[in-house]
């Protein structure tokens, strides 16, 4: 599962528009997080304009 660095996330939502399984949702702080339905496709990695997403396990 990929991981979003909430300190680096600017809350633009670009990652949510490309996730094929809707595994990315907003936090109460206006940032985003990836849940365990992530299929590691990498679409969000390529889309994040600030490179706040990294490969997880």
C-alpha atoms as a PDB file:
ATOM      1  CA  UNK A   1       0.000   0.000   0.000  1.00  0.00           C
ATOM      2  CA  UNK A   2       1.285   3.453  -0.909  1.00  0.00           C
ATOM      3  CA  UNK A   3       1.566   6.124   1.773  1.00  0.00           C
ATOM      4  CA  UNK A   4       0.807   9.855   1.673  1.00  0.00           C
ATOM      5  CA  UNK A   5       3.051  12.087   3.760  1.00  0.00           C
ATOM      6  CA  UNK A   6       0.460  14.352   5.371  1.00  0.00           C
ATOM      7  CA  UNK A   7       3.141  16.976   6.042  1.00  0.00           C
ATOM      8  CA  UNK A   8       3.937  17.161   2.342  1.00  0.00           C
ATOM      9  CA  UNK A   9       0.367  16.807   1.053  1.00  0.00           C
ATOM     10  CA  UNK A  10      -1.104  20.106  -0.138  1.00  0.00           C
ATOM     11  CA  UNK A  11      -4.670  18.772  -0.286  1.00  0.00           C
ATOM     12  CA  UNK A  12      -5.129  19.286  -4.026  1.00  0.00           C
ATOM     13  CA  UNK A  13      -6.935  15.965  -4.535  1.00  0.00           C
ATOM     14  CA  UNK A  14      -5.147  15.079  -7.775  1.00  0.00           C
ATOM     15  CA  UNK A  15      -4.475  11.592  -6.420  1.00  0.00           C
ATOM     16  CA  UNK A  16      -8.151  10.872  -5.819  1.00  0.00           C
ATOM     17  CA  UNK A  17      -9.049  11.502  -9.443  1.00  0.00           C
ATOM     18  CA  UNK A  18      -6.705   8.779 -10.732  1.00  0.00           C
ATOM     19  CA  UNK A  19      -7.179   6.046  -8.117  1.00  0.00           C
ATOM     20  CA  UNK A  20      -8.999   3.152  -9.845  1.00  0.00           C
ATOM     21  CA  UNK A  21     -10.249   1.640  -6.569  1.00  0.00           C
ATOM     22  CA  UNK A  22     -11.142   4.837  -4.652  1.00  0.00           C
ATOM     23  CA  UNK A  23      -8.620   4.026  -1.922  1.00  0.00           C
ATOM     24  CA  UNK A  24      -7.798   7.684  -1.225  1.00  0.00           C
ATOM     25  CA  UNK A  25      -9.956   9.817   1.048  1.00  0.00           C
ATOM     26  CA  UNK A  26      -9.658  13.205   2.745  1.00  0.00           C
ATOM     27  CA  UNK A  27      -8.657  13.634   6.370  1.00  0.00           C
ATOM     28  CA  UNK A  28     -10.388  16.120   8.689  1.00  0.00           C
ATOM     29  CA  UNK A  29      -7.360  18.396   8.220  1.00  0.00           C
ATOM     30  CA  UNK A  30      -7.899  18.647   4.446  1.00  0.00           C
ATOM     31  CA  UNK A  31      -5.076  16.305   3.490  1.00  0.00           C
ATOM     32  CA  UNK A  32      -5.466  12.806   2.011  1.00  0.00           C
ATOM     33  CA  UNK A  33      -4.784   9.252   3.117  1.00  0.00           C
ATOM     34  CA  UNK A  34      -4.668   5.877   1.371  1.00  0.00           C
ATOM     35  CA  UNK A  35      -6.564   2.950   2.874  1.00  0.00           C
ATOM     36  CA  UNK A  36      -5.897  -0.768   2.676  1.00  0.00           C
ATOM     37  CA  UNK A  37      -7.886  -1.234  -0.536  1.00  0.00           C
ATOM     38  CA  UNK A  38      -4.881   0.224  -2.402  1.00  0.00           C
ATOM     39  CA  UNK A  39      -3.731  -2.108  -5.208  1.00  0.00           C
ATOM     40  CA  UNK A  40      -0.283  -0.474  -5.617  1.00  0.00           C
ATOM     41  CA  UNK A  41      -0.945   0.563  -9.225  1.00  0.00           C
ATOM     42  CA  UNK A  42       1.211   3.699  -8.863  1.00  0.00           C
ATOM     43  CA  UNK A  43      -1.194   6.105 -10.564  1.00  0.00           C
ATOM     44  CA  UNK A  44      -1.215   8.403  -7.532  1.00  0.00           C
ATOM     45  CA  UNK A  45       2.584   8.412  -7.361  1.00  0.00           C
ATOM     46  CA  UNK A  46       2.796   9.734 -10.910  1.00  0.00           C
ATOM     47  CA  UNK A  47       0.050  12.321 -10.372  1.00  0.00           C
ATOM     48  CA  UNK A  48       1.032  13.973  -7.074  1.00  0.00           C
ATOM     49  CA  UNK A  49       2.450  17.421  -7.965  1.00  0.00           C
ATOM     50  CA  UNK A  50       4.486  17.655  -4.744  1.00  0.00           C
ATOM     51  CA  UNK A  51       5.677  14.021  -4.617  1.00  0.00           C
ATOM     52  CA  UNK A  52       4.058  13.473  -1.205  1.00  0.00           C
ATOM     53  CA  UNK A  53       3.213   9.833  -2.005  1.00  0.00           C
ATOM     54  CA  UNK A  54       5.700   7.026  -1.554  1.00  0.00           C
ATOM     55  CA  UNK A  55       5.573   3.280  -2.145  1.00  0.00           C
ATOM     56  CA  UNK A  56       4.674   1.382   0.982  1.00  0.00           C
ATOM     57  CA  UNK A  57       5.183  -2.268   1.838  1.00  0.00           C
END
